[in-house]
N, C-alpha and C. Protein backbone atom coordinates (compact mmCIF):
# COMPACT_ATOMS: atom_id res chain seq x y z
N MET A 1 10.56 9.02 -16.54
CA MET A 1 10.99 8.24 -15.69
C MET A 1 10.11 8.52 -14.75
N MET A 2 10.03 10.28 -14.37
CA MET A 2 9.22 10.76 -13.32
C MET A 2 7.42 10.06 -13.53
N LYS A 3 7.38 10.33 -15.74
CA LYS A 3 6.01 9.99 -15.61
C LYS A 3 5.74 8.91 -15.15
N ALA A 4 6.41 7.30 -14.85
CA ALA A 4 6.23 6.37 -14.37
C ALA A 4 6.10 6.74 -13.15
N LYS A 5 6.87 6.62 -12.21
CA LYS A 5 6.46 7.48 -10.26
C LYS A 5 4.88 8.14 -10.47
N LEU A 6 5.03 8.94 -11.35
CA LEU A 6 3.29 9.29 -10.82
C LEU A 6 2.29 7.96 -11.90
N LEU A 7 2.52 7.20 -12.16
CA LEU A 7 1.59 6.73 -12.79
C LEU A 7 1.72 5.58 -11.58
N LYS A 8 2.42 4.99 -11.23
CA LYS A 8 2.61 4.29 -9.84
C LYS A 8 1.78 4.98 -8.66
N LEU A 9 1.81 6.58 -8.51
CA LEU A 9 1.27 6.93 -7.21
C LEU A 9 0.17 7.22 -7.84
N GLY A 10 -0.30 6.94 -8.69
CA GLY A 10 -1.67 7.77 -9.26
C GLY A 10 -2.64 6.24 -9.01
N MET A 11 -1.36 4.88 -9.51
CA MET A 11 -2.45 3.80 -9.33
C MET A 11 -2.68 3.62 -7.43
N VAL A 12 -1.79 3.58 -6.96
CA VAL A 12 -1.54 3.54 -5.50
C VAL A 12 -2.06 4.24 -4.58
N VAL A 13 -2.53 5.50 -4.85
CA VAL A 13 -3.87 6.42 -4.82
C VAL A 13 -5.19 5.96 -4.96
N THR A 14 -5.41 5.50 -6.37
CA THR A 14 -6.61 4.69 -6.73
C THR A 14 -6.95 3.47 -5.28
N LEU A 15 -6.43 2.82 -5.32
CA LEU A 15 -6.21 1.82 -4.98
C LEU A 15 -6.47 1.93 -3.28
N ALA A 16 -5.98 2.74 -2.94
CA ALA A 16 -6.46 3.09 -1.10
C ALA A 16 -7.69 4.09 -1.28
N ALA A 17 -8.18 4.56 -2.07
CA ALA A 17 -9.26 5.12 -2.77
C ALA A 17 -10.74 4.01 -2.73
N SER A 18 -10.44 3.26 -2.95
CA SER A 18 -11.19 2.37 -2.77
C SER A 18 -11.25 1.70 -1.88
N LEU A 19 -10.25 1.26 -1.15
CA LEU A 19 -10.40 0.32 -0.06
C LEU A 19 -11.49 1.41 0.64
N GLY A 20 -10.85 2.38 0.90
CA GLY A 20 -12.77 2.64 1.53
C GLY A 20 -14.08 2.37 1.25
N ALA A 21 -14.32 1.75 0.10
CA ALA A 21 -15.94 1.42 -0.19
C ALA A 21 -15.79 0.24 0.03
N CYS A 22 -15.43 -0.48 0.60
CA CYS A 22 -15.47 -2.02 1.51
C CYS A 22 -15.94 -1.51 2.76
N ALA A 23 -17.26 -1.55 2.83
CA ALA A 23 -17.94 -1.73 4.42
C ALA A 23 -17.88 -2.49 5.46
N ASN A 24 -17.75 -3.58 4.53
CA ASN A 24 -17.95 -5.16 5.35
C ASN A 24 -16.11 -5.74 5.38
N MET A 25 -15.59 -4.97 5.74
CA MET A 25 -13.96 -5.32 6.03
C MET A 25 -14.27 -4.82 7.65
N THR A 26 -13.03 -6.30 8.61
CA THR A 26 -13.21 -5.76 9.85
C THR A 26 -11.90 -4.74 9.67
N THR A 27 -12.08 -4.12 11.39
CA THR A 27 -10.66 -3.27 11.38
C THR A 27 -9.41 -3.58 11.25
N ALA A 28 -9.47 -5.12 11.39
CA ALA A 28 -7.75 -6.19 11.22
C ALA A 28 -7.47 -6.09 9.62
N GLN A 29 -8.67 -6.71 9.01
CA GLN A 29 -8.88 -6.39 7.45
C GLN A 29 -8.00 -5.01 6.30
N ARG A 30 -8.84 -3.53 7.06
CA ARG A 30 -8.27 -2.93 6.54
C ARG A 30 -7.38 -2.47 7.08
N ASN A 31 -6.89 -2.36 7.86
CA ASN A 31 -5.60 -1.88 8.66
C ASN A 31 -4.82 -2.81 8.20
N THR A 32 -4.42 -4.40 7.53
CA THR A 32 -4.28 -4.72 6.96
C THR A 32 -3.53 -4.03 5.27
N ALA A 33 -4.68 -3.75 5.25
CA ALA A 33 -4.59 -3.57 3.52
C ALA A 33 -4.27 -2.19 3.48
N MET A 34 -4.45 -1.13 4.65
CA MET A 34 -4.03 0.57 4.70
C MET A 34 -2.53 0.16 4.78
N GLY A 35 -1.87 -0.75 5.88
CA GLY A 35 -0.20 -1.09 5.87
C GLY A 35 0.15 -1.69 4.50
N ALA A 36 -0.14 -2.51 3.57
CA ALA A 36 0.38 -3.16 2.39
C ALA A 36 0.17 -1.79 1.46
N ALA A 37 -0.71 -1.06 1.56
CA ALA A 37 -1.03 0.10 0.84
C ALA A 37 0.32 1.70 0.97
N ALA A 38 0.61 1.63 2.45
CA ALA A 38 1.12 2.67 2.76
C ALA A 38 3.19 1.28 2.40
N GLY A 39 2.70 0.84 2.77
CA GLY A 39 4.32 -0.17 2.89
C GLY A 39 5.13 0.06 1.09
N ALA A 40 3.93 0.29 0.60
CA ALA A 40 3.29 0.18 -1.17
C ALA A 40 4.55 1.29 -1.47
N VAL A 41 3.86 1.92 -1.44
CA VAL A 41 4.58 2.88 -1.38
C VAL A 41 6.29 3.81 -1.52
N ALA A 42 6.09 3.82 0.22
CA ALA A 42 6.78 3.69 1.09
C ALA A 42 8.03 3.01 0.01
N GLY A 43 8.17 1.42 0.23
CA GLY A 43 9.20 0.93 -0.75
C GLY A 43 9.21 1.33 -2.07
N ASN A 44 8.03 1.29 -2.93
CA ASN A 44 8.76 2.29 -3.95
C ASN A 44 9.27 3.55 -4.49
N LEU A 45 9.03 4.46 -3.34
CA LEU A 45 10.23 5.92 -3.32
C LEU A 45 11.52 5.17 -2.61
N LEU A 46 11.27 4.22 -1.95
CA LEU A 46 12.77 3.94 -1.22
C LEU A 46 13.82 3.63 -2.15
N GLY A 47 13.44 1.95 -2.72
CA GLY A 47 14.23 1.75 -3.45
C GLY A 47 13.82 1.35 -4.63
N ASN A 48 12.68 2.00 -5.81
CA ASN A 48 13.27 2.58 -6.59
C ASN A 48 12.87 1.04 -7.50
N SER A 49 12.16 -0.27 -6.83
CA SER A 49 12.47 -0.95 -7.54
C SER A 49 10.98 -2.06 -7.17
N THR A 50 10.49 -3.08 -8.62
CA THR A 50 9.45 -3.87 -8.15
C THR A 50 9.63 -4.58 -7.23
N ALA A 51 10.92 -5.16 -6.77
CA ALA A 51 11.36 -5.92 -5.24
C ALA A 51 10.85 -4.68 -4.44
N ALA A 52 11.35 -4.05 -4.45
CA ALA A 52 11.40 -3.07 -3.08
C ALA A 52 9.63 -2.47 -3.01
N THR A 53 8.84 -2.20 -4.04
CA THR A 53 7.66 -2.46 -3.87
C THR A 53 6.54 -3.02 -3.26
N LEU A 54 7.20 -4.70 -3.81
CA LEU A 54 6.24 -5.80 -3.28
C LEU A 54 7.02 -6.48 -1.63
N GLY A 55 8.35 -5.99 -1.39
CA GLY A 55 9.02 -6.21 0.38
C GLY A 55 7.87 -4.69 1.29
N GLY A 56 7.44 -3.90 0.37
CA GLY A 56 7.65 -2.63 1.13
C GLY A 56 5.86 -2.82 1.10
N ALA A 57 4.94 -3.46 0.32
CA ALA A 57 3.67 -3.61 0.59
C ALA A 57 3.39 -4.88 1.13
N ALA A 58 4.40 -6.34 1.02
CA ALA A 58 3.80 -7.19 2.50
C ALA A 58 4.13 -7.07 3.64
N LEU A 59 5.58 -6.33 3.59
CA LEU A 59 6.14 -5.48 5.29
C LEU A 59 4.88 -5.07 5.74
N GLY A 60 4.42 -3.71 5.51
CA GLY A 60 3.18 -2.71 5.50
C GLY A 60 2.09 -3.72 5.86
N GLY A 61 2.07 -4.73 5.07
CA GLY A 61 0.65 -5.00 5.49
C GLY A 61 0.33 -6.41 7.34
N VAL A 62 2.15 -6.91 7.10
CA VAL A 62 2.25 -7.50 8.11
C VAL A 62 2.39 -6.38 9.66
N ILE A 63 3.02 -5.79 9.55
CA ILE A 63 2.25 -4.11 10.48
C ILE A 63 1.30 -4.30 10.53
N GLY A 64 0.70 -3.38 9.27
CA GLY A 64 -0.98 -3.02 9.44
C GLY A 64 -1.81 -3.78 10.51
N SER A 65 -1.51 -5.52 10.14
CA SER A 65 -2.12 -6.01 10.64
C SER A 65 -2.38 -6.39 12.34
N GLN A 66 -0.92 -5.85 12.63
CA GLN A 66 -1.03 -6.26 14.18
C GLN A 66 -1.20 -4.03 14.89
N VAL A 67 -1.44 -3.33 14.11
CA VAL A 67 -2.16 -2.66 14.57
C VAL A 67 -3.32 -3.49 15.26
N LYS A 68 -4.25 -2.35 16.53
CA LYS A 68 -5.31 -2.74 17.14
C LYS A 68 -6.00 -1.44 16.81
């Protein structure tokens, strides 16, 4: 179980790090992507399920898109 959590966390960190290479993204797009990544991590840690991870990513993306 701990191994699976570490694998998921590693995948999210890799995804977040790869977003830094997207120089052509607008600020709104970058904020949306980072919000989605942070929301996915929070959803996974708090809900410990796929649905919680997806819900966290969706909510984080919406919140991130509103950050100016």
